[in-house]
Structures are given as C-alpha cells and as structure tokens.
Protein backbone atom coordinates (compact mmCIF):
# COMPACT_ATOMS: atom_id res chain seq x y z
CA MET A 1 -23.18 9.12 8.01
CA ILE A 2 -20.24 7.83 10.03
CA ASN A 3 -17.56 10.40 10.82
CA ARG A 4 -13.90 9.87 10.12
CA GLN A 5 -12.23 8.05 13.00
CA SER A 6 -9.19 9.04 14.97
CA ILE A 7 -6.10 7.54 13.33
CA ALA A 8 -5.37 5.76 16.63
CA ALA A 9 -8.65 3.83 16.31
CA LEU A 10 -7.86 2.48 12.83
CA SER A 11 -6.11 -0.80 12.12
CA ILE A 12 -5.49 -3.01 9.13
CA SER A 13 -8.66 -4.68 7.90
CA ALA A 14 -9.28 -8.05 6.31
CA ALA A 15 -10.26 -6.18 3.13
CA LEU A 16 -6.83 -4.51 3.09
CA LEU A 17 -4.98 -7.82 3.46
CA VAL A 18 -7.03 -9.50 0.75
CA GLY A 19 -6.58 -6.47 -1.51
CA ILE A 20 -2.80 -6.43 -1.12
CA ALA A 21 -2.59 -10.20 -1.66
CA ASN A 22 -4.71 -9.82 -4.80
CA TYR A 23 -2.68 -6.87 -6.15
CA GLU A 24 0.68 -8.43 -5.43
CA GLY A 25 -0.08 -12.07 -6.26
CA TYR A 26 1.88 -14.91 -4.74
CA VAL A 27 5.44 -15.68 -5.84
CA GLU A 28 7.30 -18.57 -4.21
CA THR A 29 10.82 -17.67 -5.39
CA ALA A 30 12.22 -14.16 -4.97
CA THR A 31 12.61 -12.41 -8.31
CA PRO A 32 12.32 -8.76 -9.39
CA PRO A 33 8.68 -8.14 -10.42
CA VAL A 34 9.93 -5.84 -13.20
CA PRO A 35 13.46 -5.44 -14.57
CA GLY A 36 15.52 -3.22 -12.27
CA ASP A 37 13.35 -3.75 -9.21
CA VAL A 38 14.37 -5.50 -5.98
CA PRO A 39 13.81 -9.23 -5.33
CA THR A 40 10.26 -9.88 -4.16
CA ASN A 41 8.53 -13.02 -2.96
CA GLY A 42 5.40 -14.05 -1.12
CA PHE A 43 2.76 -11.35 -1.49
CA GLY A 44 5.07 -8.52 -2.56
CA SER A 45 7.50 -8.83 0.34
CA THR A 46 10.81 -7.05 -0.02
CA GLY A 47 13.62 -6.18 2.33
CA SER A 48 17.27 -6.69 3.05
CA ASP A 49 16.44 -10.20 4.29
CA ILE A 50 15.04 -11.27 0.87
CA LYS A 51 17.66 -12.28 -1.66
CA LEU A 52 17.27 -13.33 -5.27
CA GLY A 53 16.15 -16.97 -5.35
CA ASP A 54 14.91 -17.13 -1.73
CA LYS A 55 11.86 -19.35 -1.38
CA THR A 56 8.79 -19.03 0.81
CA THR A 57 5.58 -20.97 1.38
CA PRO A 58 2.01 -19.69 1.25
CA VAL A 59 1.68 -19.87 5.05
CA ARG A 60 4.97 -18.04 5.69
CA ALA A 61 4.01 -15.49 3.02
CA LEU A 62 0.67 -14.78 4.73
CA VAL A 63 2.37 -14.32 8.10
CA ARG A 64 4.87 -11.95 6.47
CA LEU A 65 2.04 -10.08 4.69
CA LEU A 66 0.33 -9.41 8.01
CA ALA A 67 3.54 -8.13 9.62
CA ASP A 68 4.51 -6.05 6.57
CA ALA A 69 1.02 -4.57 6.22
CA ASP A 70 1.04 -3.60 9.89
CA ARG A 71 4.44 -1.92 9.51
CA HIS A 72 3.16 0.09 6.54
CA ALA A 73 -0.06 0.98 8.38
CA GLN A 74 2.05 2.36 11.23
CA ALA A 75 3.88 4.58 8.73
CA VAL A 76 0.57 5.96 7.48
CA LYS A 77 -0.45 6.69 11.07
CA ARG A 78 2.88 8.33 11.86
CA CYS A 79 3.09 10.50 8.73
CA ALA A 80 -0.60 11.38 8.36
CA PRO A 81 -2.04 11.46 11.89
CA VAL A 82 -5.43 12.82 10.81
CA PRO A 83 -8.90 11.28 11.16
CA MET A 84 -9.80 8.94 8.29
CA TYR A 85 -12.48 6.58 7.15
CA GLN A 86 -11.40 2.92 7.17
CA HIS A 87 -11.56 2.82 3.37
CA GLU A 88 -9.20 5.81 3.12
CA PHE A 89 -6.78 4.25 5.59
CA ASP A 90 -6.86 0.96 3.68
CA ALA A 91 -6.18 2.71 0.36
CA TYR A 92 -3.24 4.68 1.79
CA THR A 93 -1.81 1.60 3.50
CA SER A 94 -2.06 -0.41 0.26
CA LEU A 95 -0.25 2.38 -1.59
CA THR A 96 2.40 2.58 1.13
CA TYR A 97 2.88 -1.19 1.02
CA ASN A 98 3.81 -0.79 -2.64
CA ILE A 99 5.84 2.46 -2.64
CA GLY A 100 7.40 2.24 0.82
CA PRO A 101 7.00 4.29 4.00
CA ASP A 102 9.67 6.85 3.12
CA ALA A 103 8.06 7.69 -0.22
CA PHE A 104 4.63 7.98 1.41
CA CYS A 105 5.90 10.19 4.22
CA ARG A 106 7.67 12.58 1.83
CA SER A 107 4.78 12.69 -0.64
CA THR A 108 2.51 15.50 -1.69
CA LEU A 109 -0.29 13.09 -0.83
CA ALA A 110 0.71 13.06 2.86
CA LYS A 111 1.04 16.85 2.83
CA LYS A 112 -2.46 17.23 1.37
CA LEU A 113 -3.88 14.72 3.82
CA ASN A 114 -2.32 16.54 6.78
CA ALA A 115 -3.74 19.83 5.45
CA GLY A 116 -7.23 18.32 5.43
CA ASP A 117 -7.47 18.09 1.63
CA TYR A 118 -8.95 14.59 1.62
CA ALA A 119 -10.15 14.68 -2.00
CA GLY A 120 -6.79 16.02 -3.19
CA ALA A 121 -4.95 13.34 -1.23
CA CYS A 122 -7.05 10.62 -2.83
CA ARG A 123 -6.31 12.06 -6.30
CA GLU A 124 -2.57 11.91 -5.55
CA ILE A 125 -2.80 8.10 -5.48
CA LEU A 126 -3.20 8.17 -9.27
CA ARG A 127 0.24 9.76 -9.70
CA TRP A 128 2.04 6.68 -8.30
CA ASP A 129 1.72 4.44 -11.38
CA LYS A 130 5.32 4.63 -12.62
CA PHE A 131 8.51 2.65 -12.17
CA ASN A 132 11.72 4.37 -13.31
CA GLY A 133 9.60 7.12 -14.89
CA ARG A 134 7.52 4.77 -17.03
CA ALA A 135 3.82 4.09 -16.41
CA LEU A 136 3.11 0.39 -15.95
CA PRO A 137 -0.38 -0.86 -16.89
CA GLY A 138 -0.61 -3.03 -13.76
CA LEU A 139 0.25 -0.10 -11.51
CA THR A 140 -2.14 2.20 -13.36
CA ARG A 141 -4.94 -0.34 -12.83
CA ARG A 142 -4.03 -0.79 -9.14
CA ARG A 143 -3.89 2.95 -8.52
CA GLY A 144 -7.30 3.39 -10.11
CA LEU A 145 -8.74 0.78 -7.76
CA GLU A 146 -7.00 2.31 -4.73
CA TYR A 147 -8.30 5.74 -5.75
CA ARG A 148 -11.87 4.44 -5.98
CA GLN A 149 -11.41 2.73 -2.62
CA CYS A 150 -10.11 5.98 -1.13
CA LEU A 151 -13.28 7.72 -2.32
CA GLY A 152 -15.40 4.97 -0.78
CA GLU A 153 -16.55 3.63 -4.15
CA ALA A 154 -14.83 0.22 -4.05
CA ALA A 155 -16.17 -2.63 -1.97
C-alpha cells in the first residue's frame, strides 16, 4: 500500500478539476446559485471581481477554475500541513473550493486532520451540506461523493 505523501508533494489533479467542474456546472452569466448567495459564474467562480450579470466564456472559465482550484489547494496545505493521500487532498480541496479557505481553516475538520484523525476529518465533510442553516439536496449529494472520495472509495 502507498503511504500518505508529504503535503508539499501534493498538487491539484486532473480528477479534482473535472470533479469541481462537474459539481459546479458551467454558468456563463454571474447569478447567485441559490437565493442569498453571491454572484457566481464559470465553474463556481466567486470573488469581488465577479458582479451580477458578468459574463465569461468556457475557455476563460477553465483558466479561472485552474487558478481558483490552486488557490484553494494552497489553503488546504497551509491549514492542514499533514501527510495525505491524493484522494484525501482532492476531497478537501473540492470542499474548500465550495466553502472557502477561511471556513476550511477554522473548521473542526482541519483540527481533526491536524490531530491525525483522518477518518474523523473525512466524516466532517458530511456536515457541510447547508446554506443559511438549511440542508440543500445538491450539497448533500456532493458532500457524500466527497466523503467517499476522501475514504478512497470514489474513482
């Protein structure tokens, strides 16, 4: 069996990028994905530079996805600098892409991961299926898939 790798040796994988693109879907014009959320376009891109109604193209959205995914991967490395399997790193980066680096870094998940509780950290993914306190079926489904990926069960 392959050992967990040093966090410094891990980087975003093609599987991670495809997974995020699949979870987020492509939206040309920036709109809130759910009422009360921030404007989002491309493959789930958000930020102070994205305003309601802004348009993107598939090519620009893919370039942005790569940059955004890398930024979120760096947050996982910074806040949970422990050895991981690639599938764990991908699951945590996908989660962080969706919830944001600050939420990941302050999370019980990161605390468990840093304490070496890998199974407990994976289970924490399942808790992040709510928006404004309400579980959303799409998030529940995504978190289940990320959880399975974290455990090494998803391809």
